[in-house]
C-alpha atoms as a PDB file:
ATOM      1  CA  MET A   1      53.885  50.648 100.231  1.00  0.00           C
ATOM      2  CA  ALA A   2      55.312  53.079  97.664  1.00  0.00           C
ATOM      3  CA  GLU A   3      53.156  54.351  94.879  1.00  0.00           C
ATOM      4  CA  THR A   4      53.662  52.944  91.390  1.00  0.00           C
ATOM      5  CA  PRO A   5      55.817  55.342  89.337  1.00  0.00           C
ATOM      6  CA  THR A   6      53.912  57.262  86.670  1.00  0.00           C
ATOM      7  CA  LEU A   7      54.834  58.726  83.286  1.00  0.00           C
ATOM      8  CA  HIS A   8      55.569  61.971  85.135  1.00  0.00           C
ATOM      9  CA  ASP A   9      58.198  60.124  87.239  1.00  0.00           C
ATOM     10  CA  ALA A  10      59.718  58.620  84.069  1.00  0.00           C
ATOM     11  CA  PHE A  11      59.695  62.060  82.481  1.00  0.00           C
ATOM     12  CA  ILE A  12      61.556  63.675  85.375  1.00  0.00           C
ATOM     13  CA  ASP A  13      64.028  60.783  85.325  1.00  0.00           C
ATOM     14  CA  GLU A  14      64.642  61.320  81.584  1.00  0.00           C
ATOM     15  CA  LEU A  15      65.020  65.096  82.100  1.00  0.00           C
ATOM     16  CA  ARG A  16      67.710  64.427  84.727  1.00  0.00           C
ATOM     17  CA  ASP A  17      69.407  62.011  82.346  1.00  0.00           C
ATOM     18  CA  ALA A  18      69.358  64.691  79.577  1.00  0.00           C
ATOM     19  CA  TYR A  19      70.739  67.293  82.027  1.00  0.00           C
ATOM     20  CA  ASP A  20      73.671  65.063  82.887  1.00  0.00           C
ATOM     21  CA  ALA A  21      74.267  64.226  79.233  1.00  0.00           C
ATOM     22  CA  GLU A  22      74.505  67.915  78.356  1.00  0.00           C
ATOM     23  CA  LYS A  23      76.903  68.513  81.259  1.00  0.00           C
ATOM     24  CA  GLN A  24      79.110  65.649  80.018  1.00  0.00           C
ATOM     25  CA  LEU A  25      79.024  67.078  76.477  1.00  0.00           C
ATOM     26  CA  THR A  26      80.268  70.472  77.657  1.00  0.00           C
ATOM     27  CA  LYS A  27      83.485  68.709  78.643  1.00  0.00           C
ATOM     28  CA  ALA A  28      83.724  66.557  75.497  1.00  0.00           C
ATOM     29  CA  LEU A  29      82.972  69.156  72.786  1.00  0.00           C
ATOM     30  CA  PRO A  30      86.088  71.265  73.417  1.00  0.00           C
ATOM     31  CA  LYS A  31      88.201  68.105  72.985  1.00  0.00           C
ATOM     32  CA  LEU A  32      86.497  67.291  69.688  1.00  0.00           C
ATOM     33  CA  ALA A  33      87.065  70.916  68.522  1.00  0.00           C
ATOM     34  CA  LYS A  34      90.749  70.741  69.464  1.00  0.00           C
ATOM     35  CA  ALA A  35      91.243  67.424  67.601  1.00  0.00           C
ATOM     36  CA  ALA A  36      89.528  68.729  64.421  1.00  0.00           C
ATOM     37  CA  THR A  37      91.826  69.835  61.606  1.00  0.00           C
ATOM     38  CA  ALA A  38      89.241  71.452  59.336  1.00  0.00           C
ATOM     39  CA  PRO A  39      88.442  74.996  60.555  1.00  0.00           C
ATOM     40  CA  LYS A  40      84.726  74.639  59.702  1.00  0.00           C
ATOM     41  CA  LEU A  41      84.495  71.418  61.721  1.00  0.00           C
ATOM     42  CA  ARG A  42      86.264  73.061  64.677  1.00  0.00           C
ATOM     43  CA  GLN A  43      83.835  75.964  64.445  1.00  0.00           C
ATOM     44  CA  ALA A  44      80.858  73.580  64.301  1.00  0.00           C
ATOM     45  CA  PHE A  45      81.928  71.891  67.549  1.00  0.00           C
ATOM     46  CA  GLU A  46      82.630  75.239  69.214  1.00  0.00           C
ATOM     47  CA  SER A  47      79.241  76.725  68.208  1.00  0.00           C
ATOM     48  CA  HIS A  48      77.444  73.567  69.392  1.00  0.00           C
ATOM     49  CA  LEU A  49      79.249  73.959  72.779  1.00  0.00           C
ATOM     50  CA  ALA A  50      77.602  77.406  73.124  1.00  0.00           C
ATOM     51  CA  GLU A  51      74.241  75.864  72.168  1.00  0.00           C
ATOM     52  CA  THR A  52      74.767  73.061  74.743  1.00  0.00           C
ATOM     53  CA  GLN A  53      75.306  75.634  77.464  1.00  0.00           C
ATOM     54  CA  ASN A  54      72.003  77.263  76.466  1.00  0.00           C
ATOM     55  CA  GLN A  55      70.350  73.834  76.463  1.00  0.00           C
ATOM     56  CA  ILE A  56      71.485  73.310  80.060  1.00  0.00           C
ATOM     57  CA  ALA A  57      69.858  76.617  81.025  1.00  0.00           C
ATOM     58  CA  ARG A  58      66.669  75.539  79.220  1.00  0.00           C
ATOM     59  CA  LEU A  59      66.566  72.286  81.160  1.00  0.00           C
ATOM     60  CA  GLU A  60      67.031  74.230  84.393  1.00  0.00           C
ATOM     61  CA  GLU A  61      64.065  76.391  83.392  1.00  0.00           C
ATOM     62  CA  ALA A  62      62.019  73.233  82.646  1.00  0.00           C
ATOM     63  CA  PHE A  63      62.770  71.851  86.121  1.00  0.00           C
ATOM     64  CA  GLY A  64      61.583  75.148  87.586  1.00  0.00           C
ATOM     65  CA  LEU A  65      58.329  75.103  85.612  1.00  0.00           C
ATOM     66  CA  LEU A  66      57.721  71.600  86.937  1.00  0.00           C
ATOM     67  CA  ASP A  67      58.600  72.569  90.525  1.00  0.00           C
ATOM     68  CA  GLU A  68      61.382  69.987  90.476  1.00  0.00           C
ATOM     69  CA  LYS A  69      64.889  70.242  91.943  1.00  0.00           C
ATOM     70  CA  VAL A  70      67.580  70.802  89.294  1.00  0.00           C
ATOM     71  CA  ARG A  71      69.801  67.758  89.327  1.00  0.00           C
ATOM     72  CA  GLY A  72      71.189  65.243  86.924  1.00  0.00           C
ATOM     73  CA  LYS A  73      71.128  61.478  86.882  1.00  0.00           C
ATOM     74  CA  HIS A  74      74.250  59.898  85.398  1.00  0.00           C
ATOM     75  CA  CYS A  75      73.708  59.246  81.688  1.00  0.00           C
ATOM     76  CA  ASP A  76      75.465  55.985  80.839  1.00  0.00           C
ATOM     77  CA  GLY A  77      74.454  56.248  77.169  1.00  0.00           C
ATOM     78  CA  ILE A  78      76.243  59.498  76.457  1.00  0.00           C
ATOM     79  CA  GLU A  79      79.171  58.409  78.592  1.00  0.00           C
ATOM     80  CA  GLY A  80      79.667  55.446  76.291  1.00  0.00           C
ATOM     81  CA  ILE A  81      79.391  57.570  73.171  1.00  0.00           C
ATOM     82  CA  ILE A  82      81.937  60.036  74.617  1.00  0.00           C
ATOM     83  CA  GLU A  83      84.284  57.149  75.404  1.00  0.00           C
ATOM     84  CA  GLU A  84      84.041  55.997  71.769  1.00  0.00           C
ATOM     85  CA  GLY A  85      84.925  59.523  70.686  1.00  0.00           C
ATOM     86  CA  LYS A  86      87.967  59.509  73.000  1.00  0.00           C
ATOM     87  CA  SER A  87      89.125  56.219  71.435  1.00  0.00           C
ATOM     88  CA  VAL A  88      88.947  57.831  67.982  1.00  0.00           C
ATOM     89  CA  MET A  89      91.078  60.754  69.164  1.00  0.00           C
ATOM     90  CA  GLU A  90      93.708  58.338  70.464  1.00  0.00           C
ATOM     91  CA  GLU A  91      94.143  56.772  67.026  1.00  0.00           C
ATOM     92  CA  ASP A  92      96.920  57.921  64.687  1.00  0.00           C
ATOM     93  CA  PHE A  93      94.503  59.223  62.111  1.00  0.00           C
ATOM     94  CA  GLU A  94      95.579  62.412  60.361  1.00  0.00           C
ATOM     95  CA  GLY A  95      93.821  65.269  58.632  1.00  0.00           C
ATOM     96  CA  GLU A  96      90.599  64.478  56.834  1.00  0.00           C
ATOM     97  CA  THR A  97      90.502  60.917  58.179  1.00  0.00           C
ATOM     98  CA  MET A  98      90.518  62.214  61.752  1.00  0.00           C
ATOM     99  CA  ASP A  99      87.892  64.792  60.821  1.00  0.00           C
ATOM    100  CA  ALA A 100      85.658  62.135  59.214  1.00  0.00           C
ATOM    101  CA  CYS A 101      85.923  60.009  62.387  1.00  0.00           C
ATOM    102  CA  LEU A 102      85.196  63.038  64.589  1.00  0.00           C
ATOM    103  CA  ILE A 103      82.083  63.815  62.559  1.00  0.00           C
ATOM    104  CA  ALA A 104      80.929  60.193  63.088  1.00  0.00           C
ATOM    105  CA  ALA A 105      81.520  60.509  66.826  1.00  0.00           C
ATOM    106  CA  GLY A 106      79.673  63.832  66.946  1.00  0.00           C
ATOM    107  CA  GLN A 107      76.729  62.447  65.006  1.00  0.00           C
ATOM    108  CA  ARG A 108      76.423  59.478  67.392  1.00  0.00           C
ATOM    109  CA  ALA A 109      75.922  61.977  70.214  1.00  0.00           C
ATOM    110  CA  GLU A 110      73.489  64.052  68.180  1.00  0.00           C
ATOM    111  CA  HIS A 111      71.386  61.016  67.255  1.00  0.00           C
ATOM    112  CA  TYR A 112      71.270  59.887  70.902  1.00  0.00           C
ATOM    113  CA  GLU A 113      70.117  63.347  71.952  1.00  0.00           C
ATOM    114  CA  MET A 114      67.548  63.605  69.156  1.00  0.00           C
ATOM    115  CA  ALA A 115      66.002  60.334  70.387  1.00  0.00           C
ATOM    116  CA  ALA A 116      65.991  61.525  73.982  1.00  0.00           C
ATOM    117  CA  TYR A 117      64.532  64.986  73.259  1.00  0.00           C
ATOM    118  CA  GLY A 118      61.987  63.593  70.828  1.00  0.00           C
ATOM    119  CA  THR A 119      60.650  61.358  73.624  1.00  0.00           C
ATOM    120  CA  LEU A 120      60.748  64.176  76.177  1.00  0.00           C
ATOM    121  CA  VAL A 121      58.781  66.539  73.882  1.00  0.00           C
ATOM    122  CA  ALA A 122      56.138  63.844  73.175  1.00  0.00           C
ATOM    123  CA  TRP A 123      55.764  63.021  76.873  1.00  0.00           C
ATOM    124  CA  ALA A 124      55.568  66.682  77.886  1.00  0.00           C
ATOM    125  CA  ARG A 125      52.823  67.299  75.322  1.00  0.00           C
ATOM    126  CA  ALA A 126      50.926  64.172  76.328  1.00  0.00           C
ATOM    127  CA  MET A 127      50.897  65.354  79.958  1.00  0.00           C
ATOM    128  CA  GLY A 128      49.894  68.919  79.049  1.00  0.00           C
ATOM    129  CA  HIS A 129      53.227  70.526  79.929  1.00  0.00           C
ATOM    130  CA  ASP A 130      53.145  72.686  76.773  1.00  0.00           C
ATOM    131  CA  ASP A 131      55.546  75.319  78.154  1.00  0.00           C
ATOM    132  CA  VAL A 132      58.106  72.641  78.976  1.00  0.00           C
ATOM    133  CA  ALA A 133      57.490  70.941  75.599  1.00  0.00           C
ATOM    134  CA  GLY A 134      58.264  74.278  73.891  1.00  0.00           C
ATOM    135  CA  LEU A 135      61.614  74.546  75.641  1.00  0.00           C
ATOM    136  CA  LEU A 136      62.527  70.962  74.828  1.00  0.00           C
ATOM    137  CA  GLN A 137      61.454  71.408  71.183  1.00  0.00           C
ATOM    138  CA  GLN A 138      63.918  74.281  70.835  1.00  0.00           C
ATOM    139  CA  THR A 139      66.708  71.936  71.969  1.00  0.00           C
ATOM    140  CA  LEU A 140      65.508  69.113  69.710  1.00  0.00           C
ATOM    141  CA  ASP A 141      65.566  71.526  66.742  1.00  0.00           C
ATOM    142  CA  GLU A 142      69.145  72.582  67.627  1.00  0.00           C
ATOM    143  CA  GLU A 143      70.269  68.961  67.860  1.00  0.00           C
ATOM    144  CA  LYS A 144      68.789  68.247  64.410  1.00  0.00           C
ATOM    145  CA  ALA A 145      70.466  71.347  62.992  1.00  0.00           C
ATOM    146  CA  ALA A 146      73.838  70.335  64.500  1.00  0.00           C
ATOM    147  CA  ASP A 147      73.483  66.863  62.950  1.00  0.00           C
ATOM    148  CA  GLU A 148      72.640  68.400  59.568  1.00  0.00           C
ATOM    149  CA  LYS A 149      75.658  70.704  59.799  1.00  0.00           C
ATOM    150  CA  LEU A 150      77.947  67.748  60.483  1.00  0.00           C
ATOM    151  CA  SER A 151      76.417  65.861  57.547  1.00  0.00           C
ATOM    152  CA  ALA A 152      76.984  68.866  55.274  1.00  0.00           C
ATOM    153  CA  LEU A 153      80.636  69.043  56.320  1.00  0.00           C
ATOM    154  CA  ALA A 154      81.116  65.320  55.728  1.00  0.00           C
ATOM    155  CA  GLU A 155      79.338  65.318  52.381  1.00  0.00           C
ATOM    156  CA  GLY A 156      80.826  68.669  51.377  1.00  0.00           C
ATOM    157  CA  GLY A 157      84.331  67.310  51.070  1.00  0.00           C
ATOM    158  CA  ILE A 158      85.702  65.836  54.274  1.00  0.00           C
ATOM    159  CA  ASN A 159      84.559  62.268  53.519  1.00  0.00           C
ATOM    160  CA  ALA A 160      85.704  62.472  49.878  1.00  0.00           C
ATOM    161  CA  GLU A 161      89.088  63.838  50.888  1.00  0.00           C
ATOM    162  CA  ALA A 162      89.492  61.126  53.549  1.00  0.00           C
ATOM    163  CA  ALA A 163      88.447  58.466  51.013  1.00  0.00           C
ATOM    164  CA  SER A 164      90.973  59.658  48.479  1.00  0.00           C
ATOM    165  CA  GLY A 165      93.742  58.667  50.850  1.00  0.00           C
ATOM    166  CA  ALA A 166      91.998  55.490  51.997  1.00  0.00           C
ATOM    167  CA  HIS A 167      94.263  53.339  49.828  1.00  0.00           C
ATOM    168  CA  GLY A 168      97.802  54.613  49.843  1.00  0.00           C
ATOM    169  CA  GLU A 169     100.361  53.829  47.084  1.00  0.00           C
ATOM    170  CA  ASP A 170     101.400  50.659  48.869  1.00  0.00           C
ATOM    171  CA  ASP A 171      97.789  49.468  48.837  1.00  0.00           C
ATOM    172  CA  ALA A 172      97.489  50.302  45.092  1.00  0.00           C
ATOM    173  CA  GLU A 173     100.649  48.254  44.373  1.00  0.00           C
ATOM    174  CA  ALA A 174      99.302  45.381  46.437  1.00  0.00           C
ATOM    175  CA  ASP A 175      96.017  45.560  44.512  1.00  0.00           C
ATOM    176  CA  ASP A 176      97.927  45.416  41.194  1.00  0.00           C
ATOM    177  CA  ALA A 177      99.952  42.416  42.397  1.00  0.00           C
ATOM    178  CA  ALA A 178      96.771  40.599  43.383  1.00  0.00           C
ATOM    179  CA  LYS A 179      95.207  40.941  39.925  1.00  0.00           C
ATOM    180  CA  PRO A 180      95.305  37.721  37.843  1.00  0.00           C
ATOM    181  CA  MET A 181      97.837  37.544  35.085  1.00  0.00           C
ATOM    182  CA  PRO A 182      96.417  37.762  31.570  1.00  0.00           C
ATOM    183  CA  ALA A 183      95.996  34.381  29.893  1.00  0.00           C
ATOM    184  CA  PRO A 184      98.793  33.530  27.374  1.00  0.00           C
ATOM    185  CA  LYS A 185      97.921  34.133  23.767  1.00  0.00           C
ATOM    186  CA  LYS A 186      96.911  31.137  21.752  1.00  0.00           C
ATOM    187  CA  ALA A 187      99.286  31.911  18.873  1.00  0.00           C
ATOM    188  CA  ALA A 188     101.345  28.804  19.482  1.00  0.00           C
ATOM    189  CA  ALA A 189      98.285  26.595  19.317  1.00  0.00           C
ATOM    190  CA  ALA A 190      97.168  28.284  16.148  1.00  0.00           C
ATOM    191  CA  GLY A 191     100.617  27.656  14.599  1.00  0.00           C
ATOM    192  CA  ARG A 192     100.464  23.944  15.360  1.00  0.00           C
ATOM    193  CA  GLY A 193      97.141  23.739  13.563  1.00  0.00           C
ATOM    194  CA  ALA A 194      98.740  25.362  10.505  1.00  0.00           C
ATOM    195  CA  ARG A 195     101.337  22.585  10.224  1.00  0.00           C
ATOM    196  CA  LYS A 196      98.791  19.892   9.520  1.00  0.00           C
END
């Protein structure tokens, strides 16, 4: 009879999941960068691609420290997030609207990774794998910084610029047409009272 899996087994499983997620992201990030229209957003995706490649190397180092074979386990979660990002890129959004949507897609991936690495760091520390925890903490810090950079770009103008075009002239005219007509003045009624 097989032994009951332990937290160590779950930890290795999660490491493999994270490894695959990073590999998937190395293919997705260049596409996000290419779709971005704002130079700073493009640069943010490109610089995070370089970080992601370093994160893969860090995971490989962690596997070595744990005497585990370096291999991934397909990460369905990041695959779904990447698919959502692809759907956004297939839309006819232009300029700032596309950029705002790309930021949202990027942040979904960052939040997923922050949750995964937060768990991995906590488990590594709980099991006394302090050297591995240190490597994973570096990656967690980078994911948080990437998320903050995307938030700064969104809040620094991209969202506002996208919002300014959210209701085109046709929408403004439709809004005006939907407004209730002012009530007629009661001058006629006042005149009738004067005849009495």
